[in-house]
N, C-alpha and C. Protein backbone atom coordinates (compact mmCIF):
# COMPACT_ATOMS: atom_id res chain seq x y z
N MET A 1 89.74 83.68 106.62
CA MET A 1 90.72 82.59 106.66
C MET A 1 91.99 83.09 105.97
N PRO A 2 93.12 82.98 106.61
CA PRO A 2 94.41 83.49 106.02
C PRO A 2 94.71 82.62 104.75
N THR A 3 95.36 83.34 103.85
CA THR A 3 95.92 82.69 102.67
C THR A 3 97.33 82.19 103.02
N THR A 4 97.57 80.94 102.59
CA THR A 4 99.00 80.43 102.76
C THR A 4 99.67 80.55 101.38
N TYR A 5 100.73 81.34 101.39
CA TYR A 5 101.52 81.59 100.20
C TYR A 5 102.45 80.50 99.89
N ASP A 6 103.06 79.98 101.00
CA ASP A 6 104.04 78.83 100.75
C ASP A 6 104.42 78.22 102.09
N THR A 7 104.82 77.04 102.03
CA THR A 7 105.27 76.31 103.25
C THR A 7 106.57 75.51 102.93
N THR A 8 107.35 75.24 103.93
CA THR A 8 108.52 74.42 103.77
C THR A 8 108.07 72.99 103.46
N THR A 9 106.91 72.63 103.99
CA THR A 9 106.40 71.24 103.75
C THR A 9 106.27 71.08 102.23
N HIS A 10 105.72 72.07 101.56
CA HIS A 10 105.58 72.00 100.07
C HIS A 10 107.00 71.76 99.45
N HIS A 11 107.98 72.51 99.95
CA HIS A 11 109.35 72.36 99.38
C HIS A 11 109.99 71.03 99.75
N LEU A 12 109.65 70.50 100.92
CA LEU A 12 110.18 69.17 101.28
C LEU A 12 109.69 68.12 100.31
N GLN A 13 108.43 68.27 99.82
CA GLN A 13 107.88 67.33 98.85
C GLN A 13 108.60 67.47 97.46
N ASP A 14 109.12 68.65 97.11
CA ASP A 14 109.80 68.94 95.84
C ASP A 14 111.30 68.70 95.92
N LEU A 15 111.79 68.53 97.14
CA LEU A 15 113.23 68.54 97.35
C LEU A 15 113.88 67.28 96.72
N PRO A 16 114.80 67.47 95.87
CA PRO A 16 115.44 66.32 95.18
C PRO A 16 116.20 65.45 96.16
N GLU A 17 116.22 64.17 95.94
CA GLU A 17 116.95 63.24 96.79
C GLU A 17 118.40 63.63 96.94
N GLY A 18 118.91 63.49 98.10
CA GLY A 18 120.36 63.83 98.34
C GLY A 18 120.60 65.23 98.89
N LEU A 19 119.60 66.08 98.82
CA LEU A 19 119.73 67.43 99.40
C LEU A 19 119.26 67.38 100.78
N PRO A 20 119.91 68.08 101.74
CA PRO A 20 119.54 68.12 103.16
C PRO A 20 118.15 68.75 103.31
N GLU A 21 117.31 68.27 104.19
CA GLU A 21 115.99 68.81 104.42
C GLU A 21 116.00 70.30 104.75
N GLU A 22 117.01 70.79 105.44
CA GLU A 22 117.04 72.23 105.79
C GLU A 22 117.05 73.08 104.59
N THR A 23 117.40 72.62 103.42
CA THR A 23 117.42 73.45 102.22
C THR A 23 115.99 73.83 101.84
N ALA A 24 114.98 73.12 102.30
CA ALA A 24 113.58 73.43 102.01
C ALA A 24 113.24 74.74 102.56
N PHE A 25 114.06 75.26 103.53
CA PHE A 25 113.67 76.59 104.06
C PHE A 25 114.25 77.82 103.25
N LEU A 26 115.14 77.47 102.33
CA LEU A 26 115.78 78.55 101.58
C LEU A 26 114.85 79.55 100.85
N PRO A 27 113.95 79.03 99.99
CA PRO A 27 113.10 80.00 99.22
C PRO A 27 112.31 80.95 100.21
N LEU A 28 111.70 80.35 101.17
CA LEU A 28 110.92 81.15 102.12
C LEU A 28 111.87 82.00 103.01
N GLY A 29 113.00 81.48 103.29
CA GLY A 29 113.93 82.19 104.18
C GLY A 29 114.43 83.47 103.58
N PHE A 30 114.83 83.48 102.33
CA PHE A 30 115.27 84.68 101.67
C PHE A 30 114.08 85.68 101.58
N TYR A 31 112.93 85.22 101.18
CA TYR A 31 111.74 86.03 101.00
C TYR A 31 111.33 86.67 102.32
N HIS A 32 111.26 85.89 103.34
CA HIS A 32 110.88 86.32 104.70
C HIS A 32 111.90 87.38 105.21
N ALA A 33 113.18 87.09 105.03
CA ALA A 33 114.16 88.09 105.54
C ALA A 33 113.95 89.44 104.81
N TRP A 34 113.69 89.36 103.50
CA TRP A 34 113.43 90.60 102.74
C TRP A 34 112.11 91.25 103.20
N LEU A 35 111.09 90.49 103.44
CA LEU A 35 109.84 91.08 103.95
C LEU A 35 110.12 91.85 105.30
N SER A 36 110.93 91.25 106.18
CA SER A 36 111.27 91.87 107.44
C SER A 36 111.97 93.15 107.20
N GLU A 37 112.97 93.16 106.31
CA GLU A 37 113.82 94.29 106.00
C GLU A 37 112.97 95.41 105.34
N THR A 38 112.05 95.03 104.55
CA THR A 38 111.24 96.03 103.81
C THR A 38 110.07 96.54 104.58
N GLY A 39 109.80 96.00 105.81
CA GLY A 39 108.69 96.48 106.62
C GLY A 39 107.40 95.85 106.22
N PHE A 40 107.41 94.74 105.54
CA PHE A 40 106.14 94.14 105.04
C PHE A 40 105.70 93.04 105.97
N LEU A 41 106.31 92.80 107.06
CA LEU A 41 105.75 91.81 108.05
C LEU A 41 104.95 92.57 109.09
N ALA A 42 103.81 91.95 109.45
CA ALA A 42 103.00 92.50 110.50
C ALA A 42 103.76 92.56 111.80
N PRO A 43 103.43 93.50 112.68
CA PRO A 43 104.20 93.66 113.88
C PRO A 43 104.43 92.40 114.75
N ALA A 44 103.46 91.54 114.87
CA ALA A 44 103.66 90.35 115.59
C ALA A 44 104.59 89.39 114.97
N PHE A 45 104.99 89.60 113.71
CA PHE A 45 105.91 88.60 113.03
C PHE A 45 107.23 89.25 112.66
N THR A 46 107.49 90.44 113.07
CA THR A 46 108.76 91.08 112.73
C THR A 46 109.93 90.45 113.49
N HIS A 47 111.09 90.54 112.96
CA HIS A 47 112.30 90.12 113.57
C HIS A 47 113.43 90.93 112.99
N THR A 48 114.57 90.88 113.60
CA THR A 48 115.73 91.61 113.13
C THR A 48 116.68 90.54 112.49
N ASN A 49 117.04 90.85 111.21
CA ASN A 49 118.00 90.02 110.53
C ASN A 49 119.37 90.35 111.14
N THR A 50 120.14 89.33 111.47
CA THR A 50 121.46 89.48 112.06
C THR A 50 122.45 88.62 111.30
N ALA A 51 123.70 89.04 111.28
CA ALA A 51 124.76 88.22 110.64
C ALA A 51 124.99 86.90 111.34
N GLU A 52 124.58 86.84 112.63
CA GLU A 52 124.82 85.60 113.40
C GLU A 52 123.85 84.42 112.92
N ASN A 53 122.77 84.82 112.30
CA ASN A 53 121.88 83.75 111.87
C ASN A 53 121.72 83.80 110.38
N PRO A 54 121.44 82.69 109.77
CA PRO A 54 121.25 82.67 108.26
C PRO A 54 119.94 83.28 107.90
N PRO A 55 119.76 83.72 106.68
CA PRO A 55 118.50 84.27 106.25
C PRO A 55 117.25 83.45 106.53
N SER A 56 117.44 82.15 106.64
CA SER A 56 116.26 81.32 106.84
C SER A 56 115.83 81.24 108.27
N HIS A 57 116.62 81.93 109.19
CA HIS A 57 116.27 81.90 110.62
C HIS A 57 114.92 82.37 110.94
N GLY A 58 114.50 83.45 110.36
CA GLY A 58 113.21 84.10 110.66
C GLY A 58 112.07 83.17 110.29
N ILE A 59 112.10 82.57 109.17
CA ILE A 59 110.97 81.72 108.72
C ILE A 59 110.97 80.40 109.49
N ARG A 60 112.16 79.96 110.00
CA ARG A 60 112.17 78.76 110.90
C ARG A 60 111.38 79.06 112.10
N LYS A 61 111.65 80.29 112.64
CA LYS A 61 110.92 80.69 113.89
C LYS A 61 109.47 80.76 113.73
N GLN A 62 108.99 80.99 112.48
CA GLN A 62 107.58 81.11 112.17
C GLN A 62 106.93 79.74 111.75
N GLY A 63 107.67 78.67 111.93
CA GLY A 63 107.16 77.34 111.61
C GLY A 63 107.26 76.97 110.17
N GLY A 64 108.06 77.69 109.39
CA GLY A 64 108.25 77.36 107.95
C GLY A 64 107.02 77.60 107.09
N LYS A 65 106.25 78.67 107.39
CA LYS A 65 105.03 78.92 106.67
C LYS A 65 104.91 80.45 106.47
N LEU A 66 104.52 80.83 105.30
CA LEU A 66 104.25 82.23 104.98
C LEU A 66 102.79 82.36 104.70
N THR A 67 102.05 83.15 105.52
CA THR A 67 100.64 83.33 105.42
C THR A 67 100.28 84.86 105.34
N SER A 68 99.10 85.11 104.87
CA SER A 68 98.62 86.48 104.78
C SER A 68 98.55 87.23 106.12
N GLU A 69 98.27 86.50 107.18
CA GLU A 69 98.19 87.19 108.46
C GLU A 69 99.50 87.61 109.01
N MET A 70 100.62 87.15 108.33
CA MET A 70 101.96 87.52 108.79
C MET A 70 102.43 88.95 108.11
N LEU A 71 101.60 89.39 107.12
CA LEU A 71 102.04 90.50 106.29
C LEU A 71 101.21 91.75 106.53
N THR A 72 101.79 92.92 106.20
CA THR A 72 101.02 94.14 106.20
C THR A 72 100.16 94.10 104.96
N GLU A 73 99.28 95.13 104.76
CA GLU A 73 98.39 95.23 103.65
C GLU A 73 99.15 95.23 102.35
N GLU A 74 100.14 96.12 102.30
CA GLU A 74 100.93 96.28 101.04
C GLU A 74 101.79 94.94 100.85
N GLY A 75 102.31 94.43 101.88
CA GLY A 75 103.06 93.15 101.77
C GLY A 75 102.21 92.05 101.21
N ASN A 76 100.95 92.01 101.63
CA ASN A 76 100.03 90.93 101.08
C ASN A 76 99.71 91.19 99.61
N THR A 77 99.45 92.44 99.28
CA THR A 77 99.10 92.74 97.90
C THR A 77 100.29 92.46 96.96
N PHE A 78 101.52 92.82 97.34
CA PHE A 78 102.58 92.53 96.55
C PHE A 78 102.83 91.03 96.47
N THR A 79 102.86 90.37 97.63
CA THR A 79 103.16 88.87 97.62
C THR A 79 102.05 88.11 96.81
N ALA A 80 100.85 88.50 96.92
CA ALA A 80 99.81 87.84 96.07
C ALA A 80 100.12 87.98 94.62
N ALA A 81 100.60 89.19 94.24
CA ALA A 81 100.88 89.42 92.79
C ALA A 81 102.21 88.73 92.31
N TYR A 82 103.17 88.75 93.22
CA TYR A 82 104.54 88.41 92.77
C TYR A 82 105.03 87.01 93.17
N TYR A 83 104.61 86.48 94.31
CA TYR A 83 105.25 85.27 94.80
C TYR A 83 105.44 84.10 93.87
N PRO A 84 104.44 83.81 93.00
CA PRO A 84 104.64 82.66 92.07
C PRO A 84 105.83 82.98 91.12
N GLN A 85 106.10 84.25 90.71
CA GLN A 85 107.18 84.63 89.90
C GLN A 85 108.49 84.57 90.66
N TYR A 86 108.39 84.81 91.98
CA TYR A 86 109.58 84.82 92.86
C TYR A 86 110.36 83.46 92.72
N LEU A 87 109.60 82.40 92.77
CA LEU A 87 110.22 81.09 92.70
C LEU A 87 110.90 80.87 91.38
N ASP A 88 110.37 81.40 90.27
CA ASP A 88 111.05 81.37 88.98
C ASP A 88 112.27 82.25 88.99
N ASP A 89 112.19 83.40 89.61
CA ASP A 89 113.30 84.31 89.67
C ASP A 89 114.44 83.67 90.45
N LEU A 90 114.11 83.00 91.54
CA LEU A 90 115.10 82.32 92.35
C LEU A 90 115.80 81.18 91.58
N ALA A 91 115.00 80.50 90.79
CA ALA A 91 115.53 79.39 89.91
C ALA A 91 116.51 80.03 88.91
N THR A 92 116.15 81.14 88.33
CA THR A 92 117.06 81.80 87.37
C THR A 92 118.30 82.24 88.03
N LEU A 93 118.22 82.77 89.28
CA LEU A 93 119.44 83.16 89.99
C LEU A 93 120.34 81.98 90.20
N ALA A 94 119.81 80.84 90.61
CA ALA A 94 120.62 79.62 90.81
C ALA A 94 121.33 79.18 89.58
N VAL A 95 120.65 79.22 88.43
CA VAL A 95 121.18 78.81 87.12
C VAL A 95 122.29 79.71 86.79
N ASP A 96 122.13 81.02 86.96
CA ASP A 96 123.14 82.05 86.73
C ASP A 96 124.31 81.84 87.68
N ALA A 97 124.06 81.66 88.93
CA ALA A 97 125.10 81.57 89.96
C ALA A 97 126.05 80.34 89.73
N PHE A 98 125.43 79.23 89.36
CA PHE A 98 126.24 78.04 89.14
C PHE A 98 126.63 77.80 87.76
N GLN A 99 126.14 78.69 86.81
CA GLN A 99 126.40 78.54 85.35
C GLN A 99 126.08 77.10 84.96
N ASP A 100 124.86 76.63 85.38
CA ASP A 100 124.47 75.26 85.12
C ASP A 100 122.91 75.30 84.97
N GLU A 101 122.42 74.94 83.79
CA GLU A 101 121.02 74.99 83.57
C GLU A 101 120.15 74.01 84.50
N ASP A 102 120.83 73.03 85.09
CA ASP A 102 120.20 72.13 85.93
C ASP A 102 120.27 72.55 87.38
N ALA A 103 120.85 73.66 87.69
CA ALA A 103 121.01 74.05 89.07
C ALA A 103 119.66 74.32 89.70
N LEU A 104 119.62 74.07 91.00
CA LEU A 104 118.32 74.25 91.73
C LEU A 104 118.50 75.39 92.81
N PHE A 105 117.45 76.08 93.09
CA PHE A 105 117.60 77.19 94.16
C PHE A 105 117.86 76.52 95.49
N TYR A 106 117.57 75.30 95.67
CA TYR A 106 117.79 74.60 96.96
C TYR A 106 119.33 74.45 97.23
N GLU A 107 120.07 74.55 96.11
CA GLU A 107 121.53 74.44 96.25
C GLU A 107 122.24 75.69 96.58
N LEU A 108 121.57 76.83 96.57
CA LEU A 108 122.14 78.11 96.96
C LEU A 108 122.51 78.08 98.46
N PRO A 109 123.61 78.73 98.86
CA PRO A 109 123.94 78.76 100.24
C PRO A 109 122.94 79.66 101.01
N ASP A 110 122.66 79.27 102.26
CA ASP A 110 121.80 80.02 103.15
C ASP A 110 122.61 81.04 103.83
N ASP A 111 123.06 82.13 103.05
CA ASP A 111 123.93 83.14 103.66
C ASP A 111 123.57 84.47 103.16
N TRP A 112 124.19 85.51 103.76
CA TRP A 112 123.73 86.90 103.49
C TRP A 112 124.28 87.38 102.15
N GLU A 113 125.32 86.76 101.67
CA GLU A 113 125.82 87.15 100.32
C GLU A 113 124.81 86.77 99.24
N VAL A 114 124.23 85.67 99.35
CA VAL A 114 123.24 85.21 98.40
C VAL A 114 121.95 86.07 98.61
N TYR A 115 121.64 86.27 99.92
CA TYR A 115 120.48 87.10 100.22
C TYR A 115 120.57 88.49 99.47
N GLU A 116 121.79 89.07 99.51
CA GLU A 116 121.96 90.40 98.84
C GLU A 116 121.60 90.31 97.37
N ALA A 117 121.95 89.18 96.69
CA ALA A 117 121.64 89.04 95.31
C ALA A 117 120.14 88.87 95.10
N VAL A 118 119.46 88.13 96.05
CA VAL A 118 117.97 87.97 96.04
C VAL A 118 117.32 89.30 96.33
N LYS A 119 117.85 90.03 97.24
CA LYS A 119 117.31 91.40 97.58
C LYS A 119 117.35 92.37 96.39
N ILE A 120 118.37 92.26 95.56
CA ILE A 120 118.41 93.16 94.39
C ILE A 120 117.19 92.80 93.48
N ILE A 121 116.98 91.55 93.31
CA ILE A 121 115.83 91.15 92.46
C ILE A 121 114.50 91.63 93.06
N LEU A 122 114.36 91.29 94.41
CA LEU A 122 113.15 91.69 95.02
C LEU A 122 112.87 93.15 95.07
N ASP A 123 113.87 93.94 95.34
CA ASP A 123 113.74 95.39 95.31
C ASP A 123 113.35 95.91 93.93
N ALA A 124 113.91 95.32 92.87
CA ALA A 124 113.57 95.73 91.51
C ALA A 124 112.13 95.29 91.19
N ARG A 125 111.78 94.17 91.59
CA ARG A 125 110.38 93.67 91.34
C ARG A 125 109.29 94.55 92.12
N LEU A 126 109.73 94.90 93.33
CA LEU A 126 108.78 95.80 94.12
C LEU A 126 108.71 97.14 93.42
N ALA A 127 109.79 97.72 92.96
CA ALA A 127 109.74 99.00 92.28
C ALA A 127 108.94 98.88 91.01
N ASP A 128 109.05 97.87 90.21
CA ASP A 128 108.25 97.68 89.04
C ASP A 128 106.80 97.58 89.36
N TRP A 129 106.49 96.84 90.40
CA TRP A 129 105.09 96.67 90.80
C TRP A 129 104.47 97.95 91.30
N ARG A 130 105.28 98.74 92.00
CA ARG A 130 104.77 99.99 92.47
C ARG A 130 104.50 100.97 91.35
N ASP A 131 105.26 100.90 90.34
CA ASP A 131 105.10 101.71 89.08
C ASP A 131 103.81 101.32 88.34
N ASP A 132 103.58 99.97 88.28
CA ASP A 132 102.44 99.50 87.57
C ASP A 132 101.97 98.15 88.16
N PRO A 133 101.05 98.25 89.19
CA PRO A 133 100.62 97.03 89.85
C PRO A 133 99.99 95.97 88.98
N GLN A 134 99.45 96.47 87.83
CA GLN A 134 98.66 95.55 86.86
C GLN A 134 99.61 94.89 85.86
N ALA A 135 100.82 95.30 85.75
CA ALA A 135 101.70 94.79 84.73
C ALA A 135 102.15 93.44 85.10
N PRO A 136 102.28 92.44 84.21
CA PRO A 136 102.79 91.16 84.51
C PRO A 136 104.29 91.22 84.80
N PHE A 137 104.70 90.26 85.56
CA PHE A 137 106.17 90.14 85.83
C PHE A 137 106.81 89.38 84.75
N GLU A 138 107.78 89.97 84.00
CA GLU A 138 108.46 89.20 82.97
C GLU A 138 109.50 88.29 83.52
N PRO A 139 109.79 87.18 82.92
CA PRO A 139 110.85 86.35 83.44
C PRO A 139 112.21 87.12 83.43
N LEU A 140 113.07 86.72 84.43
CA LEU A 140 114.36 87.37 84.51
C LEU A 140 115.18 86.78 83.31
N ALA A 141 116.06 87.62 82.81
CA ALA A 141 117.03 87.17 81.84
C ALA A 141 118.30 86.75 82.61
N LEU A 142 118.97 85.72 82.13
CA LEU A 142 120.22 85.39 82.70
C LEU A 142 121.24 86.44 82.42
N LEU A 143 122.20 86.61 83.27
CA LEU A 143 123.23 87.68 83.09
C LEU A 143 123.90 87.62 81.71
N ASP A 144 124.22 86.31 81.31
CA ASP A 144 124.88 86.15 79.96
C ASP A 144 123.97 86.74 78.85
N GLU A 145 122.63 86.47 78.99
CA GLU A 145 121.69 86.94 77.95
C GLU A 145 121.69 88.45 77.93
N GLU A 146 121.75 89.05 79.08
CA GLU A 146 121.75 90.51 79.16
C GLU A 146 123.03 91.08 78.58
N ASP A 147 124.16 90.45 78.80
CA ASP A 147 125.40 90.94 78.26
C ASP A 147 125.46 90.93 76.68
N GLU A 148 124.69 89.99 76.11
CA GLU A 148 124.69 89.84 74.64
C GLU A 148 123.88 90.96 74.03
N GLU A 149 123.00 91.61 74.80
CA GLU A 149 122.11 92.64 74.19
C GLU A 149 122.78 93.96 73.99
């Protein structure tokens, strides 16, 4: 039986009142676009990211669900280890982007500029995981906190 990592239905339940329903696709959309670019999607689920479509386009085509059957072996192993931290990383990115502790990742624009910021985080997390798959993922520091060090 495939593992379900996340669904937009889950995010719709958590979506604050007043935000459009399509923002529920954002967390999965960014991650799915990165999986595609990284080669972690199984052949039946691959797609090409294009500037004409937002990052959430691929996950929308997959029904708004990320499951183990959609991923390669390495993609599954990494996602199983990292995905819960990914949502925290995305939340930190939103707080930093908006300079507001109450900012939500659902408020991030569904565009390739934001995707590039997400990609930097995901690429770094993947590199760390490849260096030591057993090491826990530490929370991201806000940019202001890094500047103070």
